[in-house]
C-alpha atoms as a PDB file:
ATOM      1  CA  MET A   1     -46.415-256.153  95.991  1.00  0.00           C
ATOM      2  CA  ASN A   2     -49.219-257.321  99.371  1.00  0.00           C
ATOM      3  CA  ALA A   3     -51.369-260.098  97.631  1.00  0.00           C
ATOM      4  CA  GLN A   4     -54.159-258.867  99.331  1.00  0.00           C
ATOM      5  CA  PHE A   5     -53.756-255.355  97.497  1.00  0.00           C
ATOM      6  CA  LYS A   6     -53.708-257.110  94.028  1.00  0.00           C
ATOM      7  CA  LYS A   7     -56.908-258.953  94.097  1.00  0.00           C
ATOM      8  CA  GLY A   8     -59.055-256.165  95.671  1.00  0.00           C
ATOM      9  CA  ALA A   9     -57.323-254.099  92.427  1.00  0.00           C
ATOM     10  CA  LEU A  10     -57.792-256.924  89.549  1.00  0.00           C
ATOM     11  CA  GLU A  11     -61.231-256.480  89.111  1.00  0.00           C
ATOM     12  CA  LEU A  12     -61.243-253.084  88.309  1.00  0.00           C
ATOM     13  CA  CYS A  13     -57.677-253.381  86.157  1.00  0.00           C
ATOM     14  CA  VAL A  14     -59.437-255.902  83.476  1.00  0.00           C
ATOM     15  CA  LEU A  15     -62.308-254.224  83.669  1.00  0.00           C
ATOM     16  CA  SER A  16     -60.888-251.062  82.763  1.00  0.00           C
ATOM     17  CA  MET A  17     -58.291-252.813  80.051  1.00  0.00           C
ATOM     18  CA  LEU A  18     -61.672-253.856  78.340  1.00  0.00           C
ATOM     19  CA  THR A  19     -63.067-250.310  78.126  1.00  0.00           C
ATOM     20  CA  GLY A  20     -60.298-249.436  75.290  1.00  0.00           C
ATOM     21  CA  GLY A  21     -61.652-252.750  73.031  1.00  0.00           C
ATOM     22  CA  ASP A  22     -61.945-256.492  73.885  1.00  0.00           C
ATOM     23  CA  ARG A  23     -58.681-258.421  74.794  1.00  0.00           C
ATOM     24  CA  TYR A  24     -58.111-262.520  74.888  1.00  0.00           C
ATOM     25  CA  GLY A  25     -57.384-263.760  78.459  1.00  0.00           C
ATOM     26  CA  TYR A  26     -53.187-264.211  77.584  1.00  0.00           C
ATOM     27  CA  GLU A  27     -53.280-260.989  76.420  1.00  0.00           C
ATOM     28  CA  LEU A  28     -54.803-259.292  79.530  1.00  0.00           C
ATOM     29  CA  THR A  29     -52.251-261.492  81.419  1.00  0.00           C
ATOM     30  CA  ASP A  30     -49.486-259.902  79.382  1.00  0.00           C
ATOM     31  CA  ALA A  31     -50.602-256.585  80.040  1.00  0.00           C
ATOM     32  CA  ILE A  32     -51.176-256.406  83.509  1.00  0.00           C
ATOM     33  CA  SER A  33     -48.297-258.854  84.472  1.00  0.00           C
ATOM     34  CA  LYS A  34     -46.236-256.139  82.994  1.00  0.00           C
ATOM     35  CA  GLU A  35     -47.281-254.039  85.542  1.00  0.00           C
ATOM     36  CA  MET A  36     -47.758-256.186  88.776  1.00  0.00           C
ATOM     37  CA  GLU A  37     -47.031-260.158  89.100  1.00  0.00           C
ATOM     38  CA  ILE A  38     -50.350-262.282  88.970  1.00  0.00           C
ATOM     39  CA  ALA A  39     -50.714-266.121  88.365  1.00  0.00           C
ATOM     40  CA  SER A  40     -52.199-266.622  85.165  1.00  0.00           C
ATOM     41  CA  GLY A  41     -55.299-268.580  86.759  1.00  0.00           C
ATOM     42  CA  THR A  42     -55.686-265.995  88.847  1.00  0.00           C
ATOM     43  CA  LEU A  43     -57.259-263.726  86.234  1.00  0.00           C
ATOM     44  CA  TYR A  44     -58.587-266.737  84.645  1.00  0.00           C
ATOM     45  CA  LEU A  45     -61.087-267.123  87.831  1.00  0.00           C
ATOM     46  CA  VAL A  46     -61.764-263.426  87.705  1.00  0.00           C
ATOM     47  CA  LEU A  47     -62.952-263.134  84.300  1.00  0.00           C
ATOM     48  CA  ARG A  48     -64.796-266.431  84.920  1.00  0.00           C
ATOM     49  CA  ARG A  49     -66.555-264.183  87.433  1.00  0.00           C
ATOM     50  CA  LEU A  50     -67.458-261.627  85.254  1.00  0.00           C
ATOM     51  CA  LYS A  51     -68.822-263.417  82.604  1.00  0.00           C
ATOM     52  CA  GLU A  52     -71.034-264.950  85.918  1.00  0.00           C
ATOM     53  CA  GLU A  53     -72.165-261.346  87.033  1.00  0.00           C
ATOM     54  CA  ASN A  54     -72.912-260.688  83.056  1.00  0.00           C
ATOM     55  CA  LEU A  55     -70.027-257.576  83.506  1.00  0.00           C
ATOM     56  CA  VAL A  56     -68.457-259.630  80.620  1.00  0.00           C
ATOM     57  CA  THR A  57     -69.728-262.173  77.530  1.00  0.00           C
ATOM     58  CA  THR A  58     -66.962-263.865  75.205  1.00  0.00           C
ATOM     59  CA  TYR A  59     -66.452-265.052  71.975  1.00  0.00           C
ATOM     60  CA  LEU A  60     -64.437-266.564  69.847  1.00  0.00           C
ATOM     61  CA  ARG A  61     -61.801-265.355  66.887  1.00  0.00           C
ATOM     62  CA  GLU A  62     -59.506-267.691  64.565  1.00  0.00           C
ATOM     63  CA  SER A  63     -56.309-266.985  65.488  1.00  0.00           C
ATOM     64  CA  GLU A  64     -53.412-266.699  62.602  1.00  0.00           C
ATOM     65  CA  ASN A  65     -51.203-268.497  64.709  1.00  0.00           C
ATOM     66  CA  GLY A  66     -53.079-271.666  66.561  1.00  0.00           C
ATOM     67  CA  PRO A  67     -56.928-272.426  67.803  1.00  0.00           C
ATOM     68  CA  ALA A  68     -58.826-269.209  67.798  1.00  0.00           C
ATOM     69  CA  ARG A  69     -58.665-267.300  71.120  1.00  0.00           C
ATOM     70  CA  LYS A  70     -61.517-266.136  73.068  1.00  0.00           C
ATOM     71  CA  TYR A  71     -62.393-262.771  73.569  1.00  0.00           C
ATOM     72  CA  TYR A  72     -63.943-260.993  77.030  1.00  0.00           C
ATOM     73  CA  HIS A  73     -66.712-258.137  75.666  1.00  0.00           C
ATOM     74  CA  LEU A  74     -67.454-255.278  78.218  1.00  0.00           C
ATOM     75  CA  THR A  75     -70.757-255.068  79.132  1.00  0.00           C
ATOM     76  CA  GLU A  76     -72.792-251.993  79.153  1.00  0.00           C
ATOM     77  CA  GLU A  77     -73.663-253.275  82.715  1.00  0.00           C
ATOM     78  CA  GLY A  78     -69.385-253.664  82.930  1.00  0.00           C
ATOM     79  CA  ARG A  79     -68.863-250.164  81.801  1.00  0.00           C
ATOM     80  CA  LYS A  80     -71.529-248.989  84.562  1.00  0.00           C
ATOM     81  CA  ASN A  81     -69.200-251.024  87.469  1.00  0.00           C
ATOM     82  CA  GLN A  82     -66.086-250.284  85.927  1.00  0.00           C
ATOM     83  CA  ARG A  83     -66.729-246.428  86.391  1.00  0.00           C
ATOM     84  CA  GLU A  84     -68.067-247.094  90.064  1.00  0.00           C
ATOM     85  CA  LEU A  85     -65.688-249.290  91.056  1.00  0.00           C
ATOM     86  CA  LYS A  86     -62.537-246.505  89.751  1.00  0.00           C
ATOM     87  CA  ASP A  87     -64.538-244.228  91.680  1.00  0.00           C
ATOM     88  CA  GLU A  88     -64.315-245.646  94.742  1.00  0.00           C
ATOM     89  CA  TRP A  89     -60.794-246.942  94.157  1.00  0.00           C
ATOM     90  CA  LEU A  90     -60.300-242.996  92.855  1.00  0.00           C
ATOM     91  CA  ALA A  91     -61.741-241.718  96.841  1.00  0.00           C
ATOM     92  CA  PHE A  92     -60.171-245.261  98.917  1.00  0.00           C
ATOM     93  CA  THR A  93     -56.232-243.787  97.592  1.00  0.00           C
ATOM     94  CA  MET A  94     -57.392-239.821  98.080  1.00  0.00           C
ATOM     95  CA  VAL A  95     -58.359-241.065 101.649  1.00  0.00           C
ATOM     96  CA  MET A  96     -55.203-243.857 102.223  1.00  0.00           C
ATOM     97  CA  SER A  97     -53.032-241.067 101.487  1.00  0.00           C
ATOM     98  CA  LYS A  98     -53.736-238.758 103.106  1.00  0.00           C
ATOM     99  CA  ILE A  99     -53.364-240.822 106.072  1.00  0.00           C
ATOM    100  CA  LEU A 100     -50.311-241.867 105.330  1.00  0.00           C
ATOM    101  CA  SER A 101     -48.892-238.281 104.688  1.00  0.00           C
ATOM    102  CA  GLU A 102     -50.066-237.129 108.235  1.00  0.00           C
ATOM    103  CA  ASN A 103     -48.714-239.757 109.741  1.00  0.00           C
ATOM    104  CA  GLU A 104     -45.601-240.120 109.067  1.00  0.00           C
END
């Protein structure tokens, strides 16, 4: 998959996954990696930016299998942003599908 396509969609993927509940970084990376190839470092850059923009908050939770894990929680602003990005993405993909199918 084209790297520029992934870059534009990764933020929406993370926000959308967090609408279902809090997750820790590796869990997000693992789930997204099953669908598209990403580097874990890339995801952590996105998570850091989302935190700086107050779209997510973090907290530590003890783990039975090692050190505490940092969990990411979607803020109300993050939920609003996810809905807006999703609507924009769906409109964009609809236009692209139309253009691509008309010009084959």
